[in-house]
Amino acid sequence: MIQFNLNGEYIELYKLLKATGLSETGGQAGQLIGQGLVKVDGDIERRKGRKIHRGQKVEFRGEVIDIR
């Protein structure tokens, strides 16, 4: 599990994948999200700009990101 400390109110999903190193670029992250490879709170998410807040969990390629 990756613990990510949020510095603001939210972070966009594609930026989170890049910030945690699970994607090399924001463009790549957007493509992966669009392909349905990312889950937010257990549901597939296809919107790269989805706002992620504290307490949510993001899953990608067997990794879980816990937003704090």
C-alpha atoms as a PDB file:
ATOM      1  CA  MET A   1       0.000   0.000   0.000  1.00  0.00           C
ATOM      2  CA  ILE A   2       1.186   3.474  -0.907  1.00  0.00           C
ATOM      3  CA  GLN A   3       0.263   6.268   1.500  1.00  0.00           C
ATOM      4  CA  PHE A   4      -0.135   9.645  -0.189  1.00  0.00           C
ATOM      5  CA  ASN A   5      -0.345  12.792   1.925  1.00  0.00           C
ATOM      6  CA  LEU A   6      -2.602  15.301   0.213  1.00  0.00           C
ATOM      7  CA  ASN A   7      -1.470  18.934   0.522  1.00  0.00           C
ATOM      8  CA  GLY A   8      -4.684  20.547  -0.720  1.00  0.00           C
ATOM      9  CA  GLU A   9      -8.377  19.797  -0.866  1.00  0.00           C
ATOM     10  CA  TYR A  10      -8.001  17.286  -3.716  1.00  0.00           C
ATOM     11  CA  ILE A  11      -5.710  15.967  -6.466  1.00  0.00           C
ATOM     12  CA  GLU A  12      -6.790  14.963  -9.937  1.00  0.00           C
ATOM     13  CA  LEU A  13      -6.511  11.241 -10.615  1.00  0.00           C
ATOM     14  CA  TYR A  14      -3.980  11.459 -13.449  1.00  0.00           C
ATOM     15  CA  LYS A  15      -1.756  13.739 -11.347  1.00  0.00           C
ATOM     16  CA  LEU A  16      -1.925  11.243  -8.469  1.00  0.00           C
ATOM     17  CA  LEU A  17      -0.670   8.388 -10.646  1.00  0.00           C
ATOM     18  CA  LYS A  18       2.220  10.539 -11.815  1.00  0.00           C
ATOM     19  CA  ALA A  19       3.015  11.829  -8.300  1.00  0.00           C
ATOM     20  CA  THR A  20       3.179   8.297  -6.880  1.00  0.00           C
ATOM     21  CA  GLY A  21       5.403   7.061  -9.709  1.00  0.00           C
ATOM     22  CA  LEU A  22       2.833   4.582 -11.021  1.00  0.00           C
ATOM     23  CA  SER A  23       2.842   6.442 -14.343  1.00  0.00           C
ATOM     24  CA  GLU A  24       5.794   8.158 -16.012  1.00  0.00           C
ATOM     25  CA  THR A  25       3.777  11.042 -17.460  1.00  0.00           C
ATOM     26  CA  GLY A  26       0.384  12.644 -17.075  1.00  0.00           C
ATOM     27  CA  GLY A  27      -0.451  11.700 -20.660  1.00  0.00           C
ATOM     28  CA  GLN A  28       0.319   8.058 -20.002  1.00  0.00           C
ATOM     29  CA  ALA A  29      -1.772   8.188 -16.826  1.00  0.00           C
ATOM     30  CA  GLY A  30      -4.710   9.608 -18.795  1.00  0.00           C
ATOM     31  CA  GLN A  31      -4.503   6.759 -21.305  1.00  0.00           C
ATOM     32  CA  LEU A  32      -4.380   4.112 -18.569  1.00  0.00           C
ATOM     33  CA  ILE A  33      -7.372   5.668 -16.830  1.00  0.00           C
ATOM     34  CA  GLY A  34      -9.287   5.850 -20.122  1.00  0.00           C
ATOM     35  CA  GLN A  35      -8.667   2.137 -20.670  1.00  0.00           C
ATOM     36  CA  GLY A  36     -10.466   1.352 -17.408  1.00  0.00           C
ATOM     37  CA  LEU A  37      -7.364   0.131 -15.576  1.00  0.00           C
ATOM     38  CA  VAL A  38      -7.828   2.314 -12.486  1.00  0.00           C
ATOM     39  CA  LYS A  39     -10.355   1.934  -9.669  1.00  0.00           C
ATOM     40  CA  VAL A  40     -11.451   4.565  -7.163  1.00  0.00           C
ATOM     41  CA  ASP A  41     -13.090   3.182  -4.016  1.00  0.00           C
ATOM     42  CA  GLY A  42     -13.568  -0.165  -5.784  1.00  0.00           C
ATOM     43  CA  ASP A  43     -15.234   1.190  -8.949  1.00  0.00           C
ATOM     44  CA  ILE A  44     -13.598   1.569 -12.368  1.00  0.00           C
ATOM     45  CA  GLU A  45     -12.926   5.221 -13.101  1.00  0.00           C
ATOM     46  CA  ARG A  46     -12.418   6.509 -16.652  1.00  0.00           C
ATOM     47  CA  ARG A  47     -12.245  10.269 -15.960  1.00  0.00           C
ATOM     48  CA  LYS A  48      -8.635  11.436 -15.725  1.00  0.00           C
ATOM     49  CA  GLY A  49      -9.677  14.651 -13.987  1.00  0.00           C
ATOM     50  CA  ARG A  50     -11.621  12.901 -11.223  1.00  0.00           C
ATOM     51  CA  LYS A  51     -11.019  14.750  -7.962  1.00  0.00           C
ATOM     52  CA  ILE A  52      -9.514  12.474  -5.322  1.00  0.00           C
ATOM     53  CA  HIS A  53      -9.984  13.479  -1.666  1.00  0.00           C
ATOM     54  CA  ARG A  54      -8.655  12.305   1.704  1.00  0.00           C
ATOM     55  CA  GLY A  55     -10.022   8.940   2.768  1.00  0.00           C
ATOM     56  CA  GLN A  56     -10.354   7.553  -0.754  1.00  0.00           C
ATOM     57  CA  LYS A  57      -8.487   4.555  -2.102  1.00  0.00           C
ATOM     58  CA  VAL A  58      -7.164   4.238  -5.646  1.00  0.00           C
ATOM     59  CA  GLU A  59      -6.177   0.862  -7.129  1.00  0.00           C
ATOM     60  CA  PHE A  60      -3.872   0.367 -10.101  1.00  0.00           C
ATOM     61  CA  ARG A  61      -1.815  -2.659 -11.208  1.00  0.00           C
ATOM     62  CA  GLY A  62      -2.092  -4.387  -7.841  1.00  0.00           C
ATOM     63  CA  GLU A  63      -1.126  -1.278  -5.871  1.00  0.00           C
ATOM     64  CA  VAL A  64      -3.476   0.527  -3.515  1.00  0.00           C
ATOM     65  CA  ILE A  65      -2.990   4.236  -2.843  1.00  0.00           C
ATOM     66  CA  ASP A  66      -4.394   5.433   0.469  1.00  0.00           C
ATOM     67  CA  ILE A  67      -5.093   9.176   0.376  1.00  0.00           C
ATOM     68  CA  ARG A  68      -4.385  10.976   3.673  1.00  0.00           C
END
